[in-house]
Amino acid sequence: MNRTEKVELVGTLQQTFRDTAVVVVTRQVGMTVPEVQELRATMREAGTRYKVTKNRLARIALQGTQYEGLSSVFTGPVAIATSPDPVATAKAAVEFANRNNKFSIVAGAIGNTVLSPEEVKTLSELPSIDQLRATLIGLLQAPLSRLVGVLPAPAEQLARVVAAPGAKMARVFAARGRQE
């Protein structure tokens, strides 16, 4: 890799660190090609970008970003998982680590907060952004659906009240008509 390529890679990594909501640093040692392909597919399904990078270049790219606190964990063979959805990335990494003992989580970060592997696991147990949105929409819709169910009831009662005198008059006229 020549100097120009390194500069471009650092610029790309810095942009990635600026645009992402979470960074999960992982280690994969001794994984086979099919296992790596499965890992990449799992990350892709979660909407996560997964990249093996050179540690020295990653540490340079971290400078001046909110994830600068992760610099010390870039030692040995590590890779980064990044995404706008912190929970989805953590879930994908933790689930794969549970299935494959050659893959582990080194650290993570959300903004300026550096997370231990245990904290990344705790993050993975939270509902995803999509699940939270669905719950919020359900909570917002529940009162409205109840209101829609209740609104016709007073109208029906009002119709009965208004119709009652008319029905009474009809019975009175019907009774007179039978008498005459």
C-alpha atoms as a PDB file:
ATOM      1  CA  MET A   1       0.000   0.000   0.000  1.00  0.00           C
ATOM      2  CA  ASN A   2       1.570   3.262  -1.072  1.00  0.00           C
ATOM      3  CA  ARG A   3       1.351   6.571   0.777  1.00  0.00           C
ATOM      4  CA  THR A   4      -1.552   7.907  -1.331  1.00  0.00           C
ATOM      5  CA  GLU A   5      -3.631   4.798  -0.630  1.00  0.00           C
ATOM      6  CA  LYS A   6      -2.894   5.112   3.079  1.00  0.00           C
ATOM      7  CA  VAL A   7      -3.986   8.761   3.094  1.00  0.00           C
ATOM      8  CA  GLU A   8      -7.209   7.827   1.285  1.00  0.00           C
ATOM      9  CA  LEU A   9      -7.874   4.966   3.729  1.00  0.00           C
ATOM     10  CA  VAL A  10      -7.349   7.262   6.728  1.00  0.00           C
ATOM     11  CA  GLY A  11      -9.734   9.818   5.195  1.00  0.00           C
ATOM     12  CA  THR A  12     -12.347   7.121   4.549  1.00  0.00           C
ATOM     13  CA  LEU A  13     -12.015   5.790   8.100  1.00  0.00           C
ATOM     14  CA  GLN A  14     -12.311   9.304   9.579  1.00  0.00           C
ATOM     15  CA  GLN A  15     -15.502   9.877   7.594  1.00  0.00           C
ATOM     16  CA  THR A  16     -16.832   6.519   8.813  1.00  0.00           C
ATOM     17  CA  PHE A  17     -16.077   7.457  12.429  1.00  0.00           C
ATOM     18  CA  ARG A  18     -17.818  10.829  11.974  1.00  0.00           C
ATOM     19  CA  ASP A  19     -20.954   9.344  10.409  1.00  0.00           C
ATOM     20  CA  THR A  20     -21.548   6.357  12.672  1.00  0.00           C
ATOM     21  CA  ALA A  21     -23.484   6.012  15.919  1.00  0.00           C
ATOM     22  CA  VAL A  22     -21.463   3.079  17.236  1.00  0.00           C
ATOM     23  CA  VAL A  23     -18.100   1.401  16.773  1.00  0.00           C
ATOM     24  CA  VAL A  24     -17.549  -2.167  17.932  1.00  0.00           C
ATOM     25  CA  VAL A  25     -13.951  -3.390  17.822  1.00  0.00           C
ATOM     26  CA  THR A  26     -13.694  -7.146  17.335  1.00  0.00           C
ATOM     27  CA  ARG A  27     -10.976  -9.767  17.111  1.00  0.00           C
ATOM     28  CA  GLN A  28     -11.098 -12.756  14.802  1.00  0.00           C
ATOM     29  CA  VAL A  29      -8.274 -15.236  15.127  1.00  0.00           C
ATOM     30  CA  GLY A  30      -8.067 -18.474  13.170  1.00  0.00           C
ATOM     31  CA  MET A  31     -11.391 -18.141  11.383  1.00  0.00           C
ATOM     32  CA  THR A  32     -11.862 -20.030   8.138  1.00  0.00           C
ATOM     33  CA  VAL A  33     -12.994 -18.345   4.923  1.00  0.00           C
ATOM     34  CA  PRO A  34     -16.586 -19.706   5.265  1.00  0.00           C
ATOM     35  CA  GLU A  35     -16.722 -18.434   8.864  1.00  0.00           C
ATOM     36  CA  VAL A  36     -15.562 -14.971   7.771  1.00  0.00           C
ATOM     37  CA  GLN A  37     -18.138 -14.976   4.971  1.00  0.00           C
ATOM     38  CA  GLU A  38     -20.840 -15.930   7.501  1.00  0.00           C
ATOM     39  CA  LEU A  39     -19.644 -13.112   9.800  1.00  0.00           C
ATOM     40  CA  ARG A  40     -19.781 -10.552   7.000  1.00  0.00           C
ATOM     41  CA  ALA A  41     -23.260 -11.762   5.961  1.00  0.00           C
ATOM     42  CA  THR A  42     -24.484 -11.480   9.571  1.00  0.00           C
ATOM     43  CA  MET A  43     -23.143  -7.936   9.826  1.00  0.00           C
ATOM     44  CA  ARG A  44     -24.610  -6.956   6.451  1.00  0.00           C
ATOM     45  CA  GLU A  45     -28.063  -8.273   7.476  1.00  0.00           C
ATOM     46  CA  ALA A  46     -27.885  -6.082  10.584  1.00  0.00           C
ATOM     47  CA  GLY A  47     -27.093  -3.006   8.473  1.00  0.00           C
ATOM     48  CA  THR A  48     -23.556  -2.934   9.826  1.00  0.00           C
ATOM     49  CA  ARG A  49     -20.350  -2.180   7.957  1.00  0.00           C
ATOM     50  CA  TYR A  50     -17.550  -4.547   8.938  1.00  0.00           C
ATOM     51  CA  LYS A  51     -13.959  -3.762   8.046  1.00  0.00           C
ATOM     52  CA  VAL A  52     -10.575  -5.216   8.885  1.00  0.00           C
ATOM     53  CA  THR A  53      -8.112  -2.353   9.028  1.00  0.00           C
ATOM     54  CA  LYS A  54      -4.515  -1.609   9.836  1.00  0.00           C
ATOM     55  CA  ASN A  55      -4.191  -0.618  13.484  1.00  0.00           C
ATOM     56  CA  ARG A  56      -1.768   2.253  12.914  1.00  0.00           C
ATOM     57  CA  LEU A  57      -3.996   3.794  10.239  1.00  0.00           C
ATOM     58  CA  ALA A  58      -7.107   3.296  12.388  1.00  0.00           C
ATOM     59  CA  ARG A  59      -5.442   5.071  15.339  1.00  0.00           C
ATOM     60  CA  ILE A  60      -4.549   7.979  13.039  1.00  0.00           C
ATOM     61  CA  ALA A  61      -8.140   8.103  11.705  1.00  0.00           C
ATOM     62  CA  LEU A  62      -9.539   8.124  15.253  1.00  0.00           C
ATOM     63  CA  GLN A  63      -7.685  11.347  16.108  1.00  0.00           C
ATOM     64  CA  GLY A  64     -10.083  14.268  16.310  1.00  0.00           C
ATOM     65  CA  THR A  65     -13.213  12.093  16.280  1.00  0.00           C
ATOM     66  CA  GLN A  66     -15.581  11.266  19.115  1.00  0.00           C
ATOM     67  CA  TYR A  67     -14.177   7.699  19.165  1.00  0.00           C
ATOM     68  CA  GLU A  68     -10.611   8.760  19.950  1.00  0.00           C
ATOM     69  CA  GLY A  69     -10.836   6.873  23.264  1.00  0.00           C
ATOM     70  CA  LEU A  70     -10.716   3.565  21.355  1.00  0.00           C
ATOM     71  CA  SER A  71      -7.128   4.126  20.169  1.00  0.00           C
ATOM     72  CA  SER A  72      -5.617   1.886  22.836  1.00  0.00           C
ATOM     73  CA  VAL A  73      -7.637  -1.205  21.802  1.00  0.00           C
ATOM     74  CA  PHE A  74      -6.228  -1.256  18.266  1.00  0.00           C
ATOM     75  CA  THR A  75      -3.548  -3.872  18.884  1.00  0.00           C
ATOM     76  CA  GLY A  76      -3.263  -7.254  17.230  1.00  0.00           C
ATOM     77  CA  PRO A  77      -5.694  -8.503  14.593  1.00  0.00           C
ATOM     78  CA  VAL A  78      -8.832  -6.386  15.046  1.00  0.00           C
ATOM     79  CA  ALA A  79     -11.682  -5.224  12.858  1.00  0.00           C
ATOM     80  CA  ILE A  80     -14.384  -2.595  13.283  1.00  0.00           C
ATOM     81  CA  ALA A  81     -18.138  -2.838  12.967  1.00  0.00           C
ATOM     82  CA  THR A  82     -19.941   0.477  12.454  1.00  0.00           C
ATOM     83  CA  SER A  83     -23.566   1.416  12.028  1.00  0.00           C
ATOM     84  CA  PRO A  84     -26.150   4.143  12.580  1.00  0.00           C
ATOM     85  CA  ASP A  85     -28.082   1.639  14.763  1.00  0.00           C
ATOM     86  CA  PRO A  86     -26.009   0.870  17.880  1.00  0.00           C
ATOM     87  CA  VAL A  87     -28.207  -1.962  19.096  1.00  0.00           C
ATOM     88  CA  ALA A  88     -28.291  -3.843  15.786  1.00  0.00           C
ATOM     89  CA  THR A  89     -24.505  -3.772  15.520  1.00  0.00           C
ATOM     90  CA  ALA A  90     -24.021  -4.926  19.099  1.00  0.00           C
ATOM     91  CA  LYS A  91     -26.602  -7.708  18.632  1.00  0.00           C
ATOM     92  CA  ALA A  92     -24.966  -8.962  15.461  1.00  0.00           C
ATOM     93  CA  ALA A  93     -21.500  -8.990  17.052  1.00  0.00           C
ATOM     94  CA  VAL A  94     -22.628 -10.639  20.295  1.00  0.00           C
ATOM     95  CA  GLU A  95     -24.731 -13.275  18.532  1.00  0.00           C
ATOM     96  CA  PHE A  96     -21.845 -14.192  16.225  1.00  0.00           C
ATOM     97  CA  ALA A  97     -19.404 -14.293  19.172  1.00  0.00           C
ATOM     98  CA  ASN A  98     -21.784 -16.689  20.955  1.00  0.00           C
ATOM     99  CA  ARG A  99     -21.806 -18.997  17.904  1.00  0.00           C
ATOM    100  CA  ASN A 100     -18.081 -18.835  17.117  1.00  0.00           C
ATOM    101  CA  ASN A 101     -15.355 -18.969  19.771  1.00  0.00           C
ATOM    102  CA  LYS A 102     -12.745 -17.639  17.297  1.00  0.00           C
ATOM    103  CA  PHE A 103     -14.533 -14.284  17.252  1.00  0.00           C
ATOM    104  CA  SER A 104     -14.603 -11.931  20.237  1.00  0.00           C
ATOM    105  CA  ILE A 105     -15.546  -8.385  21.122  1.00  0.00           C
ATOM    106  CA  VAL A 106     -12.636  -6.233  22.263  1.00  0.00           C
ATOM    107  CA  ALA A 107     -14.465  -2.972  23.014  1.00  0.00           C
ATOM    108  CA  GLY A 108     -17.074  -0.599  21.699  1.00  0.00           C
ATOM    109  CA  ALA A 109     -18.006   3.045  21.805  1.00  0.00           C
ATOM    110  CA  ILE A 110     -21.054   5.222  21.461  1.00  0.00           C
ATOM    111  CA  GLY A 111     -19.901   8.777  21.015  1.00  0.00           C
ATOM    112  CA  ASN A 112     -17.278   9.640  23.620  1.00  0.00           C
ATOM    113  CA  THR A 113     -18.260   6.697  25.820  1.00  0.00           C
ATOM    114  CA  VAL A 114     -15.980   3.675  25.510  1.00  0.00           C
ATOM    115  CA  LEU A 115     -17.734   0.376  26.259  1.00  0.00           C
ATOM    116  CA  SER A 116     -16.246  -2.811  27.663  1.00  0.00           C
ATOM    117  CA  PRO A 117     -17.169  -6.160  26.059  1.00  0.00           C
ATOM    118  CA  GLU A 118     -19.725  -6.688  28.850  1.00  0.00           C
ATOM    119  CA  GLU A 119     -21.301  -3.292  28.171  1.00  0.00           C
ATOM    120  CA  VAL A 120     -21.511  -4.105  24.458  1.00  0.00           C
ATOM    121  CA  LYS A 121     -23.320  -7.321  25.434  1.00  0.00           C
ATOM    122  CA  THR A 122     -25.719  -5.317  27.626  1.00  0.00           C
ATOM    123  CA  LEU A 123     -26.317  -2.922  24.728  1.00  0.00           C
ATOM    124  CA  SER A 124     -27.189  -5.897  22.515  1.00  0.00           C
ATOM    125  CA  GLU A 125     -30.001  -6.859  24.881  1.00  0.00           C
ATOM    126  CA  LEU A 126     -31.851  -3.572  24.334  1.00  0.00           C
ATOM    127  CA  PRO A 127     -34.606  -3.347  21.735  1.00  0.00           C
ATOM    128  CA  SER A 128     -33.472  -2.086  18.336  1.00  0.00           C
ATOM    129  CA  ILE A 129     -34.405   1.332  16.984  1.00  0.00           C
ATOM    130  CA  ASP A 130     -37.039  -0.258  14.733  1.00  0.00           C
ATOM    131  CA  GLN A 131     -38.562  -2.130  17.693  1.00  0.00           C
ATOM    132  CA  LEU A 132     -38.629   1.067  19.755  1.00  0.00           C
ATOM    133  CA  ARG A 133     -40.292   2.937  16.894  1.00  0.00           C
ATOM    134  CA  ALA A 134     -42.931   0.211  16.547  1.00  0.00           C
ATOM    135  CA  THR A 135     -43.599   0.305  20.296  1.00  0.00           C
ATOM    136  CA  LEU A 136     -43.871   4.097  20.258  1.00  0.00           C
ATOM    137  CA  ILE A 137     -46.268   4.043  17.306  1.00  0.00           C
ATOM    138  CA  GLY A 138     -48.357   1.391  19.067  1.00  0.00           C
ATOM    139  CA  LEU A 139     -48.491   3.524  22.206  1.00  0.00           C
ATOM    140  CA  LEU A 140     -49.506   6.574  20.197  1.00  0.00           C
ATOM    141  CA  GLN A 141     -52.161   4.683  18.239  1.00  0.00           C
ATOM    142  CA  ALA A 142     -53.789   2.962  21.248  1.00  0.00           C
ATOM    143  CA  PRO A 143     -55.514   6.073  22.651  1.00  0.00           C
ATOM    144  CA  LEU A 144     -56.631   7.100  19.173  1.00  0.00           C
ATOM    145  CA  SER A 145     -58.176   3.708  18.441  1.00  0.00           C
ATOM    146  CA  ARG A 146     -59.963   3.807  21.808  1.00  0.00           C
ATOM    147  CA  LEU A 147     -61.199   7.303  21.008  1.00  0.00           C
ATOM    148  CA  VAL A 148     -62.499   6.139  17.639  1.00  0.00           C
ATOM    149  CA  GLY A 149     -64.345   3.329  19.425  1.00  0.00           C
ATOM    150  CA  VAL A 150     -65.880   5.686  21.976  1.00  0.00           C
ATOM    151  CA  LEU A 151     -66.849   8.558  19.649  1.00  0.00           C
ATOM    152  CA  PRO A 152     -69.801   6.770  17.961  1.00  0.00           C
ATOM    153  CA  ALA A 153     -71.362   5.830  21.338  1.00  0.00           C
ATOM    154  CA  PRO A 154     -72.518   9.365  22.303  1.00  0.00           C
ATOM    155  CA  ALA A 155     -73.839   9.910  18.787  1.00  0.00           C
ATOM    156  CA  GLU A 156     -75.883   6.718  19.026  1.00  0.00           C
ATOM    157  CA  GLN A 157     -77.227   7.798  22.414  1.00  0.00           C
ATOM    158  CA  LEU A 158     -78.054  11.240  21.029  1.00  0.00           C
ATOM    159  CA  ALA A 159     -79.860   9.655  18.078  1.00  0.00           C
ATOM    160  CA  ARG A 160     -81.931   7.522  20.467  1.00  0.00           C
ATOM    161  CA  VAL A 161     -82.842  10.580  22.581  1.00  0.00           C
ATOM    162  CA  VAL A 162     -83.832  12.561  19.507  1.00  0.00           C
ATOM    163  CA  ALA A 163     -85.728   9.619  18.035  1.00  0.00           C
ATOM    164  CA  ALA A 164     -87.555   8.749  21.275  1.00  0.00           C
ATOM    165  CA  PRO A 165     -90.174  11.527  21.109  1.00  0.00           C
ATOM    166  CA  GLY A 166     -90.774  10.738  17.460  1.00  0.00           C
ATOM    167  CA  ALA A 167     -91.260   7.056  18.279  1.00  0.00           C
ATOM    168  CA  LYS A 168     -93.597   7.972  21.123  1.00  0.00           C
ATOM    169  CA  MET A 169     -95.641  10.205  18.811  1.00  0.00           C
ATOM    170  CA  ALA A 170     -95.777   7.432  16.236  1.00  0.00           C
ATOM    171  CA  ARG A 171     -97.140   5.039  18.878  1.00  0.00           C
ATOM    172  CA  VAL A 172     -99.699   7.623  19.967  1.00  0.00           C
ATOM    173  CA  PHE A 173    -100.892   8.181  16.378  1.00  0.00           C
ATOM    174  CA  ALA A 174    -100.925   4.457  15.752  1.00  0.00           C
ATOM    175  CA  ALA A 175    -103.061   3.935  18.866  1.00  0.00           C
ATOM    176  CA  ARG A 176    -105.498   6.713  17.842  1.00  0.00           C
ATOM    177  CA  GLY A 177    -105.739   5.283  14.383  1.00  0.00           C
ATOM    178  CA  ARG A 178    -106.789   1.925  15.815  1.00  0.00           C
ATOM    179  CA  GLN A 179    -109.360   3.565  18.079  1.00  0.00           C
ATOM    180  CA  GLU A 180    -111.042   5.487  15.290  1.00  0.00           C
END
